[in-house]
């Protein structure tokens, strides 16, 4: 059963689609007694644009729904994740290289 909710977020000019299912696999909940959440993050405009947590523009994440819900939902869970990862040296270097290439 597909329980995904879909939201969009624009971050630094990139439109990102966030799909979230707080109870992804019924058999997981039945086995362990608590749900397993699934979150998909995908840059859609520009398509496949790298994001700080993925060079391909797509990231799949599994974890406890309590963390997502305590942040206020999927968008508010993803936004600080993007900001945190964007502070990494590798992301900054990649962005500087990308800007330099667009000049020529």
PDB file of N, CA and C in Angstrom:
ATOM      1  N   UNK A   1       0.842  -1.188   0.000  1.00  0.00           N
ATOM      2  CA  UNK A   1       0.000   0.000   0.000  1.00  0.00           C
ATOM      3  C   UNK A   1       0.882   1.245   0.000  1.00  0.00           C
ATOM      4  N   UNK A   2       0.593   2.191  -0.854  1.00  0.00           N
ATOM      5  CA  UNK A   2       1.371   3.409  -0.994  1.00  0.00           C
ATOM      6  C   UNK A   2       0.801   4.487  -0.076  1.00  0.00           C
ATOM      7  N   UNK A   3       1.571   4.843   0.949  1.00  0.00           N
ATOM      8  CA  UNK A   3       1.143   5.855   1.911  1.00  0.00           C
ATOM      9  C   UNK A   3       1.978   7.124   1.809  1.00  0.00           C
ATOM     10  N   UNK A   4       2.650   7.320   0.681  1.00  0.00           N
ATOM     11  CA  UNK A   4       3.546   8.459   0.547  1.00  0.00           C
ATOM     12  C   UNK A   4       2.786   9.773   0.442  1.00  0.00           C
ATOM     13  N   UNK A   5       3.271  10.729   1.196  1.00  0.00           N
ATOM     14  CA  UNK A   5       2.844  12.107   1.028  1.00  0.00           C
ATOM     15  C   UNK A   5       3.954  12.811   0.269  1.00  0.00           C
ATOM     16  N   UNK A   6       3.611  13.721  -0.606  1.00  0.00           N
ATOM     17  CA  UNK A   6       4.599  14.406  -1.421  1.00  0.00           C
ATOM     18  C   UNK A   6       4.537  15.904  -1.173  1.00  0.00           C
ATOM     19  N   UNK A   7       5.709  16.484  -0.954  1.00  0.00           N
ATOM     20  CA  UNK A   7       5.835  17.931  -0.748  1.00  0.00           C
ATOM     21  C   UNK A   7       6.978  18.424  -1.617  1.00  0.00           C
ATOM     22  N   UNK A   8       7.012  19.727  -1.824  1.00  0.00           N
ATOM     23  CA  UNK A   8       8.115  20.336  -2.570  1.00  0.00           C
ATOM     24  C   UNK A   8       8.760  21.424  -1.742  1.00  0.00           C
ATOM     25  N   UNK A   9      10.037  21.568  -1.973  1.00  0.00           N
ATOM     26  CA  UNK A   9      10.854  22.552  -1.271  1.00  0.00           C
ATOM     27  C   UNK A   9      11.775  23.174  -2.302  1.00  0.00           C
ATOM     28  N   UNK A  10      11.912  24.478  -2.291  1.00  0.00           N
ATOM     29  CA  UNK A  10      12.907  25.139  -3.131  1.00  0.00           C
ATOM     30  C   UNK A  10      14.059  25.539  -2.225  1.00  0.00           C
ATOM     31  N   UNK A  11      15.227  25.034  -2.560  1.00  0.00           N
ATOM     32  CA  UNK A  11      16.433  25.283  -1.771  1.00  0.00           C
ATOM     33  C   UNK A  11      17.525  25.750  -2.716  1.00  0.00           C
ATOM     34  N   UNK A  12      18.027  26.946  -2.492  1.00  0.00           N
ATOM     35  CA  UNK A  12      19.075  27.545  -3.314  1.00  0.00           C
ATOM     36  C   UNK A  12      18.757  27.439  -4.811  1.00  0.00           C
ATOM     37  N   UNK A  13      17.513  27.702  -5.168  1.00  0.00           N
ATOM     38  CA  UNK A  13      17.089  27.696  -6.554  1.00  0.00           C
ATOM     39  C   UNK A  13      16.781  26.322  -7.128  1.00  0.00           C
ATOM     40  N   UNK A  14      16.905  25.284  -6.330  1.00  0.00           N
ATOM     41  CA  UNK A  14      16.636  23.913  -6.771  1.00  0.00           C
ATOM     42  C   UNK A  14      15.283  23.477  -6.220  1.00  0.00           C
ATOM     43  N   UNK A  15      14.401  23.010  -7.099  1.00  0.00           N
ATOM     44  CA  UNK A  15      13.119  22.477  -6.645  1.00  0.00           C
ATOM     45  C   UNK A  15      13.345  21.008  -6.284  1.00  0.00           C
ATOM     46  N   UNK A  16      13.001  20.680  -5.061  1.00  0.00           N
ATOM     47  CA  UNK A  16      13.228  19.339  -4.522  1.00  0.00           C
ATOM     48  C   UNK A  16      11.883  18.729  -4.162  1.00  0.00           C
ATOM     49  N   UNK A  17      11.668  17.493  -4.613  1.00  0.00           N
ATOM     50  CA  UNK A  17      10.469  16.761  -4.229  1.00  0.00           C
ATOM     51  C   UNK A  17      10.826  15.847  -3.071  1.00  0.00           C
ATOM     52  N   UNK A  18       9.979  15.867  -2.057  1.00  0.00           N
ATOM     53  CA  UNK A  18      10.185  15.053  -0.864  1.00  0.00           C
ATOM     54  C   UNK A  18       8.978  14.148  -0.723  1.00  0.00           C
ATOM     55  N   UNK A  19       9.227  12.848  -0.784  1.00  0.00           N
ATOM     56  CA  UNK A  19       8.164  11.860  -0.618  1.00  0.00           C
ATOM     57  C   UNK A  19       8.420  11.146   0.718  1.00  0.00           C
ATOM     58  N   UNK A  20       7.372  11.028   1.508  1.00  0.00           N
ATOM     59  CA  UNK A  20       7.537  10.487   2.866  1.00  0.00           C
ATOM     60  C   UNK A  20       6.413   9.529   3.209  1.00  0.00           C
ATOM     61  N   UNK A  21       6.793   8.369   3.708  1.00  0.00           N
ATOM     62  CA  UNK A  21       5.840   7.370   4.209  1.00  0.00           C
ATOM     63  C   UNK A  21       6.250   7.034   5.638  1.00  0.00           C
ATOM     64  N   UNK A  22       5.458   7.414   6.636  1.00  0.00           N
ATOM     65  CA  UNK A  22       5.838   7.170   8.031  1.00  0.00           C
ATOM     66  C   UNK A  22       5.737   5.711   8.471  1.00  0.00           C
ATOM     67  N   UNK A  23       5.074   4.883   7.688  1.00  0.00           N
ATOM     68  CA  UNK A  23       4.924   3.455   8.026  1.00  0.00           C
ATOM     69  C   UNK A  23       5.123   2.649   6.741  1.00  0.00           C
ATOM     70  N   UNK A  24       6.361   2.624   6.278  1.00  0.00           N
ATOM     71  CA  UNK A  24       6.708   2.125   4.962  1.00  0.00           C
ATOM     72  C   UNK A  24       6.426   0.645   4.743  1.00  0.00           C
ATOM     73  N   UNK A  25       6.687  -0.186   5.759  1.00  0.00           N
ATOM     74  CA  UNK A  25       6.584  -1.622   5.563  1.00  0.00           C
ATOM     75  C   UNK A  25       5.809  -2.253   6.718  1.00  0.00           C
ATOM     76  N   UNK A  26       4.614  -2.708   6.415  1.00  0.00           N
ATOM     77  CA  UNK A  26       3.740  -3.281   7.441  1.00  0.00           C
ATOM     78  C   UNK A  26       4.412  -4.448   8.165  1.00  0.00           C
ATOM     79  N   UNK A  27       5.117  -5.302   7.423  1.00  0.00           N
ATOM     80  CA  UNK A  27       5.752  -6.461   8.055  1.00  0.00           C
ATOM     81  C   UNK A  27       6.859  -6.036   9.035  1.00  0.00           C
ATOM     82  N   UNK A  28       7.501  -4.904   8.779  1.00  0.00           N
ATOM     83  CA  UNK A  28       8.510  -4.388   9.711  1.00  0.00           C
ATOM     84  C   UNK A  28       7.831  -4.022  11.038  1.00  0.00           C
ATOM     85  N   UNK A  29       6.728  -3.285  10.937  1.00  0.00           N
ATOM     86  CA  UNK A  29       5.985  -2.894  12.145  1.00  0.00           C
ATOM     87  C   UNK A  29       5.482  -4.118  12.896  1.00  0.00           C
ATOM     88  N   UNK A  30       4.969  -5.100  12.164  1.00  0.00           N
ATOM     89  CA  UNK A  30       4.463  -6.315  12.816  1.00  0.00           C
ATOM     90  C   UNK A  30       5.578  -7.093  13.501  1.00  0.00           C
ATOM     91  N   UNK A  31       6.752  -7.117  12.901  1.00  0.00           N
ATOM     92  CA  UNK A  31       7.886  -7.857  13.458  1.00  0.00           C
ATOM     93  C   UNK A  31       8.503  -7.151  14.658  1.00  0.00           C
ATOM     94  N   UNK A  32       8.727  -5.847  14.530  1.00  0.00           N
ATOM     95  CA  UNK A  32       9.467  -5.114  15.560  1.00  0.00           C
ATOM     96  C   UNK A  32       8.588  -4.315  16.518  1.00  0.00           C
ATOM     97  N   UNK A  33       7.336  -4.122  16.156  1.00  0.00           N
ATOM     98  CA  UNK A  33       6.422  -3.419  17.044  1.00  0.00           C
ATOM     99  C   UNK A  33       6.423  -1.917  16.891  1.00  0.00           C
ATOM    100  N   UNK A  34       7.145  -1.396  15.917  1.00  0.00           N
ATOM    101  CA  UNK A  34       7.147   0.038  15.641  1.00  0.00           C
ATOM    102  C   UNK A  34       7.402   0.239  14.147  1.00  0.00           C
ATOM    103  N   UNK A  35       6.983   1.379  13.615  1.00  0.00           N
ATOM    104  CA  UNK A  35       7.078   1.584  12.169  1.00  0.00           C
ATOM    105  C   UNK A  35       8.482   1.967  11.705  1.00  0.00           C
ATOM    106  N   UNK A  36       8.709   1.755  10.433  1.00  0.00           N
ATOM    107  CA  UNK A  36       9.923   2.190   9.750  1.00  0.00           C
ATOM    108  C   UNK A  36       9.502   3.210   8.696  1.00  0.00           C
ATOM    109  N   UNK A  37      10.030   4.399   8.799  1.00  0.00           N
ATOM    110  CA  UNK A  37       9.694   5.457   7.852  1.00  0.00           C
ATOM    111  C   UNK A  37      10.627   5.421   6.654  1.00  0.00           C
ATOM    112  N   UNK A  38      10.119   5.862   5.512  1.00  0.00           N
ATOM    113  CA  UNK A  38      10.926   5.991   4.308  1.00  0.00           C
ATOM    114  C   UNK A  38      10.747   7.390   3.748  1.00  0.00           C
ATOM    115  N   UNK A  39      11.873   8.007   3.421  1.00  0.00           N
ATOM    116  CA  UNK A  39      11.899   9.361   2.893  1.00  0.00           C
ATOM    117  C   UNK A  39      12.698   9.338   1.598  1.00  0.00           C
ATOM    118  N   UNK A  40      12.144   9.921   0.544  1.00  0.00           N
ATOM    119  CA  UNK A  40      12.857  10.061  -0.723  1.00  0.00           C
ATOM    120  C   UNK A  40      13.012  11.547  -1.016  1.00  0.00           C
ATOM    121  N   UNK A  41      14.223  11.927  -1.379  1.00  0.00           N
ATOM    122  CA  UNK A  41      14.553  13.312  -1.673  1.00  0.00           C
ATOM    123  C   UNK A  41      15.080  13.336  -3.099  1.00  0.00           C
ATOM    124  N   UNK A  42      14.470  14.161  -3.959  1.00  0.00           N
ATOM    125  CA  UNK A  42      14.892  14.170  -5.357  1.00  0.00           C
ATOM    126  C   UNK A  42      14.819  15.577  -5.939  1.00  0.00           C
ATOM    127  N   UNK A  43      15.920  16.012  -6.526  1.00  0.00           N
ATOM    128  CA  UNK A  43      15.902  17.303  -7.216  1.00  0.00           C
ATOM    129  C   UNK A  43      15.183  17.115  -8.549  1.00  0.00           C
ATOM    130  N   UNK A  44      14.191  17.973  -8.781  1.00  0.00           N
ATOM    131  CA  UNK A  44      13.391  17.804 -10.004  1.00  0.00           C
ATOM    132  C   UNK A  44      13.530  18.981 -10.965  1.00  0.00           C
ATOM    133  N   UNK A  45      14.013  20.127 -10.479  1.00  0.00           N
ATOM    134  CA  UNK A  45      14.239  21.252 -11.374  1.00  0.00           C
ATOM    135  C   UNK A  45      15.378  22.105 -10.832  1.00  0.00           C
ATOM    136  N   UNK A  46      16.536  22.016 -11.457  1.00  0.00           N
ATOM    137  CA  UNK A  46      16.897  21.140 -12.556  1.00  0.00           C
ATOM    138  C   UNK A  46      16.895  19.673 -12.123  1.00  0.00           C
ATOM    139  N   UNK A  47      16.506  18.823 -13.051  1.00  0.00           N
ATOM    140  CA  UNK A  47      16.447  17.383 -12.771  1.00  0.00           C
ATOM    141  C   UNK A  47      17.838  16.853 -12.466  1.00  0.00           C
ATOM    142  N   UNK A  48      17.892  16.003 -11.458  1.00  0.00           N
ATOM    143  CA  UNK A  48      19.120  15.312 -11.055  1.00  0.00           C
ATOM    144  C   UNK A  48      20.240  16.260 -10.632  1.00  0.00           C
ATOM    145  N   UNK A  49      19.873  17.461 -10.221  1.00  0.00           N
ATOM    146  CA  UNK A  49      20.863  18.421  -9.734  1.00  0.00           C
ATOM    147  C   UNK A  49      21.454  17.893  -8.430  1.00  0.00           C
ATOM    148  N   UNK A  50      22.781  17.874  -8.318  1.00  0.00           N
ATOM    149  CA  UNK A  50      23.384  17.403  -7.060  1.00  0.00           C
ATOM    150  C   UNK A  50      22.869  18.200  -5.859  1.00  0.00           C
ATOM    151  N   UNK A  51      22.748  17.505  -4.760  1.00  0.00           N
ATOM    152  CA  UNK A  51      22.376  18.104  -3.483  1.00  0.00           C
ATOM    153  C   UNK A  51      23.499  17.799  -2.498  1.00  0.00           C
ATOM    154  N   UNK A  52      23.570  18.511  -1.401  1.00  0.00           N
ATOM    155  CA  UNK A  52      24.674  18.300  -0.468  1.00  0.00           C
ATOM    156  C   UNK A  52      24.806  16.875   0.061  1.00  0.00           C
ATOM    157  N   UNK A  53      23.707  16.127   0.098  1.00  0.00           N
ATOM    158  CA  UNK A  53      23.780  14.761   0.615  1.00  0.00           C
ATOM    159  C   UNK A  53      23.749  13.702  -0.477  1.00  0.00           C
ATOM    160  N   UNK A  54      23.789  14.138  -1.755  1.00  0.00           N
ATOM    161  CA  UNK A  54      23.792  13.190  -2.857  1.00  0.00           C
ATOM    162  C   UNK A  54      24.279  13.845  -4.145  1.00  0.00           C
ATOM    163  N   UNK A  55      25.222  13.216  -4.785  1.00  0.00           N
ATOM    164  CA  UNK A  55      25.737  13.729  -6.055  1.00  0.00           C
ATOM    165  C   UNK A  55      24.783  13.468  -7.208  1.00  0.00           C
ATOM    166  N   UNK A  56      23.863  12.526  -7.035  1.00  0.00           N
ATOM    167  CA  UNK A  56      22.956  12.135  -8.115  1.00  0.00           C
ATOM    168  C   UNK A  56      21.637  12.901  -8.111  1.00  0.00           C
ATOM    169  N   UNK A  57      21.373  13.666  -7.062  1.00  0.00           N
ATOM    170  CA  UNK A  57      20.102  14.365  -6.961  1.00  0.00           C
ATOM    171  C   UNK A  57      18.994  13.512  -6.376  1.00  0.00           C
ATOM    172  N   UNK A  58      19.317  12.303  -5.926  1.00  0.00           N
ATOM    173  CA  UNK A  58      18.318  11.414  -5.313  1.00  0.00           C
ATOM    174  C   UNK A  58      18.905  10.799  -4.054  1.00  0.00           C
ATOM    175  N   UNK A  59      18.100  10.776  -3.002  1.00  0.00           N
ATOM    176  CA  UNK A  59      18.528  10.142  -1.755  1.00  0.00           C
ATOM    177  C   UNK A  59      17.338   9.437  -1.138  1.00  0.00           C
ATOM    178  N   UNK A  60      17.562   8.210  -0.707  1.00  0.00           N
ATOM    179  CA  UNK A  60      16.562   7.424  -0.005  1.00  0.00           C
ATOM    180  C   UNK A  60      17.041   7.279   1.438  1.00  0.00           C
ATOM    181  N   UNK A  61      16.131   7.461   2.396  1.00  0.00           N
ATOM    182  CA  UNK A  61      16.485   7.389   3.811  1.00  0.00           C
ATOM    183  C   UNK A  61      15.429   6.570   4.544  1.00  0.00           C
ATOM    184  N   UNK A  62      15.887   5.707   5.434  1.00  0.00           N
ATOM    185  CA  UNK A  62      15.009   4.926   6.299  1.00  0.00           C
ATOM    186  C   UNK A  62      15.343   5.248   7.747  1.00  0.00           C
ATOM    187  N   UNK A  63      14.322   5.373   8.567  1.00  0.00           N
ATOM    188  CA  UNK A  63      14.561   5.643   9.975  1.00  0.00           C
ATOM    189  C   UNK A  63      13.262   5.696  10.755  1.00  0.00           C
ATOM    190  N   UNK A  64      13.379   6.177  11.968  1.00  0.00           N
ATOM    191  CA  UNK A  64      12.214   6.272  12.849  1.00  0.00           C
ATOM    192  C   UNK A  64      11.364   7.484  12.467  1.00  0.00           C
ATOM    193  N   UNK A  65      10.063   7.305  12.343  1.00  0.00           N
ATOM    194  CA  UNK A  65       9.210   8.442  12.006  1.00  0.00           C
ATOM    195  C   UNK A  65       9.184   9.506  13.107  1.00  0.00           C
ATOM    196  N   UNK A  66       9.510   9.133  14.327  1.00  0.00           N
ATOM    197  CA  UNK A  66       9.480  10.097  15.429  1.00  0.00           C
ATOM    198  C   UNK A  66      10.422  11.270  15.171  1.00  0.00           C
ATOM    199  N   UNK A  67      11.576  11.012  14.570  1.00  0.00           N
ATOM    200  CA  UNK A  67      12.521  12.085  14.263  1.00  0.00           C
ATOM    201  C   UNK A  67      11.973  13.061  13.245  1.00  0.00           C
ATOM    202  N   UNK A  68      11.328  12.540  12.238  1.00  0.00           N
ATOM    203  CA  UNK A  68      10.730  13.387  11.194  1.00  0.00           C
ATOM    204  C   UNK A  68       9.582  14.192  11.785  1.00  0.00           C
ATOM    205  N   UNK A  69       8.744  13.533  12.550  1.00  0.00           N
ATOM    206  CA  UNK A  69       7.578  14.192  13.129  1.00  0.00           C
ATOM    207  C   UNK A  69       7.972  15.239  14.167  1.00  0.00           C
ATOM    208  N   UNK A  70       9.011  14.957  14.946  1.00  0.00           N
ATOM    209  CA  UNK A  70       9.431  15.931  15.961  1.00  0.00           C
ATOM    210  C   UNK A  70      10.023  17.190  15.326  1.00  0.00           C
ATOM    211  N   UNK A  71      10.510  17.086  14.089  1.00  0.00           N
ATOM    212  CA  UNK A  71      11.022  18.253  13.379  1.00  0.00           C
ATOM    213  C   UNK A  71       9.911  19.050  12.705  1.00  0.00           C
ATOM    214  N   UNK A  72       8.701  18.517  12.695  1.00  0.00           N
ATOM    215  CA  UNK A  72       7.581  19.225  12.094  1.00  0.00           C
ATOM    216  C   UNK A  72       7.175  18.696  10.736  1.00  0.00           C
ATOM    217  N   UNK A  73       7.687  17.539  10.365  1.00  0.00           N
ATOM    218  CA  UNK A  73       7.327  16.928   9.086  1.00  0.00           C
ATOM    219  C   UNK A  73       8.524  16.772   8.169  1.00  0.00           C
ATOM    220  N   UNK A  74       8.274  16.196   7.014  1.00  0.00           N
ATOM    221  CA  UNK A  74       9.352  15.830   6.093  1.00  0.00           C
ATOM    222  C   UNK A  74      10.138  17.038   5.588  1.00  0.00           C
ATOM    223  N   UNK A  75       9.457  18.116   5.231  1.00  0.00           N
ATOM    224  CA  UNK A  75      10.164  19.290   4.714  1.00  0.00           C
ATOM    225  C   UNK A  75      11.073  19.877   5.779  1.00  0.00           C
ATOM    226  N   UNK A  76      10.559  19.995   6.992  1.00  0.00           N
ATOM    227  CA  UNK A  76      11.362  20.567   8.075  1.00  0.00           C
ATOM    228  C   UNK A  76      12.434  19.607   8.577  1.00  0.00           C
ATOM    229  N   UNK A  77      12.347  18.354   8.233  1.00  0.00           N
ATOM    230  CA  UNK A  77      13.407  17.388   8.505  1.00  0.00           C
ATOM    231  C   UNK A  77      14.515  17.529   7.462  1.00  0.00           C
ATOM    232  N   UNK A  78      14.139  17.721   6.202  1.00  0.00           N
ATOM    233  CA  UNK A  78      15.099  17.786   5.098  1.00  0.00           C
ATOM    234  C   UNK A  78      15.836  19.123   5.056  1.00  0.00           C
ATOM    235  N   UNK A  79      15.128  20.221   5.293  1.00  0.00           N
ATOM    236  CA  UNK A  79      15.743  21.548   5.177  1.00  0.00           C
ATOM    237  C   UNK A  79      17.007  21.692   6.038  1.00  0.00           C
ATOM    238  N   UNK A  80      16.983  21.391   7.335  1.00  0.00           N
ATOM    239  CA  UNK A  80      18.211  21.524   8.119  1.00  0.00           C
ATOM    240  C   UNK A  80      19.286  20.511   7.711  1.00  0.00           C
ATOM    241  N   UNK A  81      18.869  19.356   7.201  1.00  0.00           N
ATOM    242  CA  UNK A  81      19.816  18.357   6.701  1.00  0.00           C
ATOM    243  C   UNK A  81      20.588  18.956   5.520  1.00  0.00           C
ATOM    244  N   UNK A  82      19.871  19.593   4.598  1.00  0.00           N
ATOM    245  CA  UNK A  82      20.521  20.256   3.467  1.00  0.00           C
ATOM    246  C   UNK A  82      21.490  21.327   3.947  1.00  0.00           C
ATOM    247  N   UNK A  83      21.025  22.169   4.860  1.00  0.00           N
ATOM    248  CA  UNK A  83      21.864  23.255   5.366  1.00  0.00           C
ATOM    249  C   UNK A  83      23.115  22.723   6.068  1.00  0.00           C
ATOM    250  N   UNK A  84      22.956  21.683   6.842  1.00  0.00           N
ATOM    251  CA  UNK A  84      24.099  21.093   7.546  1.00  0.00           C
ATOM    252  C   UNK A  84      25.121  20.535   6.555  1.00  0.00           C
ATOM    253  N   UNK A  85      24.645  19.751   5.601  1.00  0.00           N
ATOM    254  CA  UNK A  85      25.555  19.138   4.627  1.00  0.00           C
ATOM    255  C   UNK A  85      26.180  20.180   3.704  1.00  0.00           C
ATOM    256  N   UNK A  86      25.489  21.287   3.475  1.00  0.00           N
ATOM    257  CA  UNK A  86      26.015  22.346   2.611  1.00  0.00           C
ATOM    258  C   UNK A  86      27.205  23.060   3.246  1.00  0.00           C
ATOM    259  N   UNK A  87      27.414  22.878   4.538  1.00  0.00           N
ATOM    260  CA  UNK A  87      28.569  23.473   5.214  1.00  0.00           C
ATOM    261  C   UNK A  87      29.830  22.625   5.068  1.00  0.00           C
ATOM    262  N   UNK A  88      29.712  21.439   4.465  1.00  0.00           N
ATOM    263  CA  UNK A  88      30.874  20.551   4.327  1.00  0.00           C
ATOM    264  C   UNK A  88      31.862  21.119   3.302  1.00  0.00           C
ATOM    265  N   UNK A  89      33.137  20.832   3.512  1.00  0.00           N
ATOM    266  CA  UNK A  89      34.170  21.295   2.596  1.00  0.00           C
ATOM    267  C   UNK A  89      33.974  20.724   1.197  1.00  0.00           C
ATOM    268  N   UNK A  90      33.542  19.468   1.105  1.00  0.00           N
ATOM    269  CA  UNK A  90      33.370  18.851  -0.212  1.00  0.00           C
ATOM    270  C   UNK A  90      32.251  19.539  -0.996  1.00  0.00           C
ATOM    271  N   UNK A  91      31.154  19.896  -0.337  1.00  0.00           N
ATOM    272  CA  UNK A  91      30.067  20.584  -1.032  1.00  0.00           C
ATOM    273  C   UNK A  91      30.516  21.967  -1.481  1.00  0.00           C
ATOM    274  N   UNK A  92      31.188  22.698  -0.594  1.00  0.00           N
ATOM    275  CA  UNK A  92      31.665  24.037  -0.945  1.00  0.00           C
ATOM    276  C   UNK A  92      32.627  23.983  -2.128  1.00  0.00           C
ATOM    277  N   UNK A  93      33.518  23.019  -2.141  1.00  0.00           N
ATOM    278  CA  UNK A  93      34.477  22.880  -3.238  1.00  0.00           C
ATOM    279  C   UNK A  93      33.752  22.563  -4.547  1.00  0.00           C
ATOM    280  N   UNK A  94      32.780  21.660  -4.485  1.00  0.00           N
ATOM    281  CA  UNK A  94      32.011  21.307  -5.675  1.00  0.00           C
ATOM    282  C   UNK A  94      31.228  22.485  -6.214  1.00  0.00           C
ATOM    283  N   UNK A  95      30.666  23.291  -5.335  1.00  0.00           N
ATOM    284  CA  UNK A  95      29.905  24.462  -5.759  1.00  0.00           C
ATOM    285  C   UNK A  95      30.828  25.502  -6.399  1.00  0.00           C
ATOM    286  N   UNK A  96      31.997  25.700  -5.818  1.00  0.00           N
ATOM    287  CA  UNK A  96      32.955  26.651  -6.388  1.00  0.00           C
ATOM    288  C   UNK A  96      33.386  26.196  -7.781  1.00  0.00           C
ATOM    289  N   UNK A  97      33.622  24.913  -7.940  1.00  0.00           N
ATOM    290  CA  UNK A  97      34.007  24.363  -9.245  1.00  0.00           C
ATOM    291  C   UNK A  97      32.871  24.524 -10.249  1.00  0.00           C
ATOM    292  N   UNK A  98      31.655  24.278  -9.827  1.00  0.00           N
ATOM    293  CA  UNK A  98      30.489  24.409 -10.702  1.00  0.00           C
ATOM    294  C   UNK A  98      30.328  25.858 -11.180  1.00  0.00           C
ATOM    295  N   UNK A  99      30.490  26.811 -10.266  1.00  0.00           N
ATOM    296  CA  UNK A  99      30.379  28.222 -10.633  1.00  0.00           C
ATOM    297  C   UNK A  99      31.483  28.621 -11.601  1.00  0.00           C
ATOM    298  N   UNK A 100      32.679  28.116 -11.377  1.00  0.00           N
ATOM    299  CA  UNK A 100      33.802  28.439 -12.242  1.00  0.00           C
ATOM    300  C   UNK A 100      33.567  27.906 -13.655  1.00  0.00           C
ATOM    301  N   UNK A 101      33.022  26.725 -13.768  1.00  0.00           N
ATOM    302  CA  UNK A 101      32.764  26.131 -15.083  1.00  0.00           C
ATOM    303  C   UNK A 101      31.700  26.911 -15.860  1.00  0.00           C
ATOM    304  N   UNK A 102      30.754  27.511 -15.161  1.00  0.00           N
ATOM    305  CA  UNK A 102      29.697  28.247 -15.855  1.00  0.00           C
ATOM    306  C   UNK A 102      30.195  29.560 -16.425  1.00  0.00           C
ATOM    307  N   UNK A 103      31.352  30.005 -16.039  1.00  0.00           N
ATOM    308  CA  UNK A 103      31.903  31.250 -16.569  1.00  0.00           C
ATOM    309  C   UNK A 103      32.450  31.075 -17.975  1.00  0.00           C
ATOM    310  N   UNK A 104      32.782  29.847 -18.346  1.00  0.00           N
ATOM    311  CA  UNK A 104      33.439  29.608 -19.642  1.00  0.00           C
ATOM    312  C   UNK A 104      32.614  28.746 -20.560  1.00  0.00           C
TER     313      UNK A 104
END
